[in-house]
């Protein structure tokens, strides 16, 4: 069995934990060669409210990436993903569309 990497984010309220976790999730999800990698990924948090927020942000960001909607919230994520994944904008958009379609 192949072991994966773990990311632990522990910081004060309002410090960007959810942003960091969502970015790490999207980066991993969009770096996989198959489009259903979400089925093998787990993100944990402490409250149901935080879980809803993470789900909302992941789906929302995938939607913005898939439809190339210009939004101040997605601008930094999009450019960071392009750099970190070494992918061009059209490829990122297509991959996001496929992944979003699988999740929904």
N, C-alpha and C. Protein backbone atom coordinates (compact mmCIF):
# COMPACT_ATOMS: atom_id res chain seq x y z
N UNK A 1 0.85 -1.18 0.00
CA UNK A 1 0.00 0.00 0.00
C UNK A 1 0.89 1.24 0.00
N UNK A 2 0.57 2.15 -0.88
CA UNK A 2 1.34 3.39 -0.98
C UNK A 2 0.86 4.38 0.07
N UNK A 3 1.79 4.94 0.82
CA UNK A 3 1.40 5.92 1.82
C UNK A 3 1.46 7.31 1.23
N UNK A 4 0.57 8.17 1.66
CA UNK A 4 0.52 9.54 1.17
C UNK A 4 1.12 10.49 2.17
N UNK A 5 1.12 11.74 1.80
CA UNK A 5 1.65 12.74 2.73
C UNK A 5 0.51 13.34 3.53
N UNK A 6 0.83 13.80 4.71
CA UNK A 6 -0.14 14.43 5.58
C UNK A 6 0.25 15.88 5.77
N UNK A 7 -0.74 16.74 5.83
CA UNK A 7 -0.53 18.16 6.09
C UNK A 7 -1.33 18.52 7.32
N UNK A 8 -0.68 19.01 8.33
CA UNK A 8 -1.36 19.45 9.54
C UNK A 8 -1.26 20.97 9.59
N UNK A 9 -2.42 21.60 9.71
CA UNK A 9 -2.48 23.06 9.79
C UNK A 9 -3.07 23.40 11.14
N UNK A 10 -2.28 24.04 11.98
CA UNK A 10 -2.72 24.39 13.32
C UNK A 10 -2.37 25.86 13.53
N UNK A 11 -3.40 26.70 13.60
CA UNK A 11 -3.15 28.14 13.76
C UNK A 11 -4.37 28.80 14.37
N UNK A 12 -4.22 30.05 14.73
CA UNK A 12 -5.30 30.80 15.37
C UNK A 12 -6.44 31.09 14.39
N UNK A 13 -7.58 31.42 14.95
CA UNK A 13 -8.75 31.77 14.15
C UNK A 13 -8.43 32.97 13.25
N UNK A 14 -8.91 32.89 12.01
CA UNK A 14 -8.73 33.99 11.08
C UNK A 14 -7.35 34.08 10.44
N UNK A 15 -6.55 33.03 10.60
CA UNK A 15 -5.18 33.08 10.08
C UNK A 15 -5.04 32.47 8.69
N UNK A 16 -6.11 31.94 8.13
CA UNK A 16 -6.06 31.38 6.78
C UNK A 16 -5.94 29.88 6.72
N UNK A 17 -6.34 29.18 7.77
CA UNK A 17 -6.27 27.72 7.77
C UNK A 17 -7.12 27.11 6.67
N UNK A 18 -8.36 27.57 6.54
CA UNK A 18 -9.26 27.01 5.55
C UNK A 18 -8.73 27.29 4.15
N UNK A 19 -8.25 28.49 3.91
CA UNK A 19 -7.66 28.84 2.62
C UNK A 19 -6.52 27.88 2.30
N UNK A 20 -5.63 27.67 3.26
CA UNK A 20 -4.47 26.80 3.05
C UNK A 20 -4.89 25.36 2.79
N UNK A 21 -5.86 24.89 3.55
CA UNK A 21 -6.33 23.51 3.38
C UNK A 21 -7.02 23.33 2.03
N UNK A 22 -7.85 24.28 1.65
CA UNK A 22 -8.54 24.21 0.37
C UNK A 22 -7.53 24.24 -0.77
N UNK A 23 -6.53 25.12 -0.68
CA UNK A 23 -5.51 25.18 -1.72
C UNK A 23 -4.76 23.86 -1.83
N UNK A 24 -4.35 23.30 -0.69
CA UNK A 24 -3.62 22.03 -0.71
C UNK A 24 -4.48 20.92 -1.31
N UNK A 25 -5.77 20.93 -0.99
CA UNK A 25 -6.70 19.93 -1.52
C UNK A 25 -6.83 20.08 -3.03
N UNK A 26 -7.05 21.31 -3.51
CA UNK A 26 -7.17 21.55 -4.95
C UNK A 26 -5.89 21.19 -5.69
N UNK A 27 -4.77 21.54 -5.11
CA UNK A 27 -3.48 21.25 -5.74
C UNK A 27 -3.29 19.74 -5.91
N UNK A 28 -3.56 19.00 -4.86
CA UNK A 28 -3.44 17.55 -4.93
C UNK A 28 -4.45 16.96 -5.91
N UNK A 29 -5.68 17.41 -5.81
CA UNK A 29 -6.77 16.91 -6.66
C UNK A 29 -6.47 17.14 -8.14
N UNK A 30 -6.01 18.33 -8.47
CA UNK A 30 -5.77 18.68 -9.87
C UNK A 30 -4.43 18.17 -10.40
N UNK A 31 -3.58 17.67 -9.52
CA UNK A 31 -2.30 17.12 -9.95
C UNK A 31 -2.40 15.64 -10.33
N UNK A 32 -3.48 15.00 -9.94
CA UNK A 32 -3.64 13.57 -10.22
C UNK A 32 -3.97 13.35 -11.69
N UNK A 33 -3.56 12.21 -12.21
CA UNK A 33 -3.81 11.91 -13.62
C UNK A 33 -5.26 11.51 -13.88
N UNK A 34 -5.93 10.99 -12.88
CA UNK A 34 -7.34 10.64 -13.05
C UNK A 34 -8.22 11.71 -12.42
N UNK A 35 -9.48 11.74 -12.81
CA UNK A 35 -10.38 12.82 -12.39
C UNK A 35 -11.20 12.48 -11.14
N UNK A 36 -11.05 11.29 -10.62
CA UNK A 36 -11.84 10.91 -9.44
C UNK A 36 -10.96 10.72 -8.20
N UNK A 37 -9.88 11.46 -8.12
CA UNK A 37 -8.97 11.36 -6.98
C UNK A 37 -9.60 11.78 -5.67
N UNK A 38 -10.65 12.60 -5.74
CA UNK A 38 -11.35 13.03 -4.54
C UNK A 38 -11.88 11.84 -3.74
N UNK A 39 -12.12 10.71 -4.41
CA UNK A 39 -12.64 9.53 -3.73
C UNK A 39 -11.63 8.92 -2.76
N UNK A 40 -10.37 9.28 -2.93
CA UNK A 40 -9.30 8.74 -2.07
C UNK A 40 -8.64 9.81 -1.22
N UNK A 41 -9.29 10.94 -1.08
CA UNK A 41 -8.72 12.03 -0.30
C UNK A 41 -9.59 12.30 0.92
N UNK A 42 -8.95 12.69 2.00
CA UNK A 42 -9.67 12.98 3.24
C UNK A 42 -9.14 14.28 3.84
N UNK A 43 -10.06 15.14 4.18
CA UNK A 43 -9.70 16.38 4.88
C UNK A 43 -10.52 16.42 6.16
N UNK A 44 -9.87 16.64 7.27
CA UNK A 44 -10.54 16.65 8.56
C UNK A 44 -10.49 18.03 9.18
N UNK A 45 -11.57 18.37 9.86
CA UNK A 45 -11.60 19.60 10.63
C UNK A 45 -12.46 19.34 11.87
N UNK A 46 -12.60 20.33 12.72
CA UNK A 46 -13.22 20.09 14.02
C UNK A 46 -14.72 20.28 14.08
N UNK A 47 -15.29 21.08 13.24
CA UNK A 47 -16.71 21.37 13.37
C UNK A 47 -17.45 21.14 12.05
N UNK A 48 -18.74 20.89 12.15
CA UNK A 48 -19.56 20.74 10.96
C UNK A 48 -19.59 22.04 10.15
N UNK A 49 -19.55 23.16 10.83
CA UNK A 49 -19.54 24.45 10.15
C UNK A 49 -18.28 24.57 9.29
N UNK A 50 -17.15 24.16 9.82
CA UNK A 50 -15.89 24.22 9.08
C UNK A 50 -15.91 23.25 7.90
N UNK A 51 -16.53 22.10 8.07
CA UNK A 51 -16.66 21.13 6.98
C UNK A 51 -17.48 21.73 5.84
N UNK A 52 -18.61 22.34 6.18
CA UNK A 52 -19.45 22.97 5.15
C UNK A 52 -18.69 24.07 4.43
N UNK A 53 -17.93 24.85 5.17
CA UNK A 53 -17.15 25.93 4.57
C UNK A 53 -16.10 25.37 3.60
N UNK A 54 -15.42 24.30 4.01
CA UNK A 54 -14.42 23.69 3.13
C UNK A 54 -15.07 23.15 1.85
N UNK A 55 -16.17 22.43 2.00
CA UNK A 55 -16.88 21.89 0.82
C UNK A 55 -17.30 23.02 -0.11
N UNK A 56 -17.87 24.07 0.47
CA UNK A 56 -18.33 25.21 -0.31
C UNK A 56 -17.17 25.85 -1.08
N UNK A 57 -16.06 26.02 -0.41
CA UNK A 57 -14.91 26.66 -1.06
C UNK A 57 -14.28 25.77 -2.12
N UNK A 58 -14.18 24.48 -1.87
CA UNK A 58 -13.60 23.57 -2.86
C UNK A 58 -14.46 23.55 -4.12
N UNK A 59 -15.76 23.33 -3.96
CA UNK A 59 -16.66 23.29 -5.12
C UNK A 59 -16.70 24.66 -5.80
N UNK A 60 -16.79 25.72 -5.01
CA UNK A 60 -16.83 27.07 -5.57
C UNK A 60 -15.58 27.41 -6.35
N UNK A 61 -14.42 27.07 -5.81
CA UNK A 61 -13.17 27.35 -6.50
C UNK A 61 -13.04 26.52 -7.76
N UNK A 62 -13.45 25.25 -7.71
CA UNK A 62 -13.42 24.43 -8.92
C UNK A 62 -14.32 25.03 -10.00
N UNK A 63 -15.48 25.53 -9.60
CA UNK A 63 -16.40 26.16 -10.54
C UNK A 63 -15.75 27.39 -11.18
N UNK A 64 -15.14 28.22 -10.37
CA UNK A 64 -14.49 29.43 -10.89
C UNK A 64 -13.33 29.08 -11.81
N UNK A 65 -12.58 28.04 -11.46
CA UNK A 65 -11.47 27.59 -12.30
C UNK A 65 -11.99 26.99 -13.61
N UNK A 66 -13.03 26.19 -13.52
CA UNK A 66 -13.58 25.50 -14.69
C UNK A 66 -14.17 26.46 -15.70
N UNK A 67 -14.77 27.52 -15.23
CA UNK A 67 -15.46 28.45 -16.12
C UNK A 67 -14.68 29.74 -16.35
N UNK A 68 -13.45 29.75 -15.90
CA UNK A 68 -12.54 30.89 -16.03
C UNK A 68 -13.24 32.21 -15.68
N UNK A 69 -13.87 32.19 -14.53
CA UNK A 69 -14.54 33.39 -14.04
C UNK A 69 -13.52 34.22 -13.27
N UNK A 70 -13.42 35.48 -13.61
CA UNK A 70 -12.49 36.36 -12.92
C UNK A 70 -13.13 36.82 -11.62
N UNK A 71 -12.48 36.50 -10.55
CA UNK A 71 -12.95 36.84 -9.22
C UNK A 71 -11.71 37.08 -8.38
N UNK A 72 -11.77 38.06 -7.51
CA UNK A 72 -10.58 38.38 -6.71
C UNK A 72 -10.15 37.21 -5.84
N UNK A 73 -11.10 36.38 -5.41
CA UNK A 73 -10.78 35.26 -4.53
C UNK A 73 -10.03 34.15 -5.27
N UNK A 74 -10.31 33.97 -6.55
CA UNK A 74 -9.71 32.86 -7.29
C UNK A 74 -8.42 33.25 -8.01
N UNK A 75 -8.19 34.52 -8.19
CA UNK A 75 -7.04 35.00 -8.97
C UNK A 75 -5.72 34.43 -8.45
N UNK A 76 -5.48 34.55 -7.15
CA UNK A 76 -4.23 34.05 -6.55
C UNK A 76 -4.15 32.54 -6.61
N UNK A 77 -5.27 31.88 -6.36
CA UNK A 77 -5.29 30.41 -6.40
C UNK A 77 -4.98 29.93 -7.80
N UNK A 78 -5.62 30.54 -8.81
CA UNK A 78 -5.40 30.14 -10.20
C UNK A 78 -3.92 30.30 -10.59
N UNK A 79 -3.36 31.45 -10.30
CA UNK A 79 -1.96 31.67 -10.70
C UNK A 79 -1.01 30.76 -9.93
N UNK A 80 -1.29 30.50 -8.66
CA UNK A 80 -0.44 29.59 -7.88
C UNK A 80 -0.54 28.16 -8.40
N UNK A 81 -1.74 27.73 -8.76
CA UNK A 81 -1.90 26.37 -9.30
C UNK A 81 -1.18 26.22 -10.63
N UNK A 82 -1.25 27.24 -11.48
CA UNK A 82 -0.55 27.19 -12.76
C UNK A 82 0.95 27.01 -12.55
N UNK A 83 1.49 27.72 -11.58
CA UNK A 83 2.93 27.62 -11.28
C UNK A 83 3.26 26.29 -10.62
N UNK A 84 2.52 25.95 -9.55
CA UNK A 84 2.83 24.74 -8.78
C UNK A 84 2.62 23.46 -9.58
N UNK A 85 1.61 23.43 -10.44
CA UNK A 85 1.31 22.23 -11.22
C UNK A 85 2.01 22.23 -12.57
N UNK A 86 2.67 23.34 -12.89
CA UNK A 86 3.35 23.49 -14.18
C UNK A 86 2.39 23.14 -15.32
N UNK A 87 1.28 23.87 -15.35
CA UNK A 87 0.20 23.63 -16.29
C UNK A 87 -0.21 24.96 -16.90
N UNK A 88 -0.75 24.93 -18.11
CA UNK A 88 -1.21 26.17 -18.71
C UNK A 88 -2.68 26.40 -18.35
N UNK A 89 -3.15 27.60 -18.58
CA UNK A 89 -4.50 27.99 -18.19
C UNK A 89 -5.59 27.12 -18.83
N UNK A 90 -5.55 26.87 -20.15
CA UNK A 90 -6.59 26.02 -20.74
C UNK A 90 -6.61 24.60 -20.16
N UNK A 91 -5.44 24.05 -19.87
CA UNK A 91 -5.37 22.70 -19.28
C UNK A 91 -5.94 22.70 -17.86
N UNK A 92 -5.64 23.74 -17.10
CA UNK A 92 -6.19 23.85 -15.75
C UNK A 92 -7.71 23.96 -15.81
N UNK A 93 -8.21 24.73 -16.74
CA UNK A 93 -9.65 24.90 -16.89
C UNK A 93 -10.32 23.58 -17.26
N UNK A 94 -9.76 22.85 -18.21
CA UNK A 94 -10.34 21.57 -18.63
C UNK A 94 -10.31 20.54 -17.51
N UNK A 95 -9.18 20.47 -16.81
CA UNK A 95 -9.06 19.53 -15.69
C UNK A 95 -10.07 19.87 -14.60
N UNK A 96 -10.22 21.14 -14.30
CA UNK A 96 -11.19 21.58 -13.29
C UNK A 96 -12.61 21.21 -13.70
N UNK A 97 -12.93 21.37 -14.99
CA UNK A 97 -14.26 21.01 -15.49
C UNK A 97 -14.52 19.53 -15.30
N UNK A 98 -13.55 18.69 -15.65
CA UNK A 98 -13.71 17.24 -15.53
C UNK A 98 -13.87 16.82 -14.07
N UNK A 99 -13.03 17.35 -13.19
CA UNK A 99 -13.08 17.00 -11.77
C UNK A 99 -14.40 17.46 -11.16
N UNK A 100 -14.79 18.69 -11.45
CA UNK A 100 -16.06 19.22 -10.93
C UNK A 100 -17.23 18.37 -11.38
N UNK A 101 -17.22 17.97 -12.63
CA UNK A 101 -18.28 17.13 -13.18
C UNK A 101 -18.35 15.78 -12.44
N UNK A 102 -17.20 15.19 -12.18
CA UNK A 102 -17.15 13.91 -11.45
C UNK A 102 -17.69 14.07 -10.02
N UNK A 103 -17.28 15.14 -9.35
CA UNK A 103 -17.71 15.35 -7.97
C UNK A 103 -19.22 15.56 -7.90
N UNK A 104 -19.74 16.36 -8.82
CA UNK A 104 -21.18 16.65 -8.79
C UNK A 104 -21.98 15.50 -9.35
